[in-house]
Amino acid sequence: EMMLHGVYNMGSGMLSGLSANMVMSFSITCRTLGADGEQFQILLLVFSSLVFVFGDYVVAVLPKLLPGSVLVWLSAELMAFWVWNSLRFLRAYEYCLVWVMILMYVILGTAPMMLFGFI
């Protein structure tokens, strides 16, 4: 996936496009479905290219509930991965730090939480 992302950014640069960021939903979907290998990467490249070309039309015809529900699913999946699965590989103080940052995000917002995380 990292190599595909690099190729995508090189192609985007050659076509005077903007560089892309990693999309966590692709990694989560790949892990959840057990899809790995060249076939998934090619499918991801084709899908990303189609969304790049026709994305504005798709967003215009989609009901607003669909993208919102995808964001809710993605956030729940990330929370389950980082909060539940991190019990196995984080020390106790690191795990408490994750919860403190989550609470800071909910109560205070993004900027204070990120500042606390850098400190």
Foldseek 3Di string as FASTA:
>chain_A
DVVLLVVVQVVCVVVVHDRDDDDVVLVLVCVVVVPDDDVSSVVVVVVVVCCVVCVVVVVVPDDPVVVVVVVVVVVVSVCCCCQVVCVVPDDPVVNVLVVVLVVCCVPPNDPVSVVVVVD
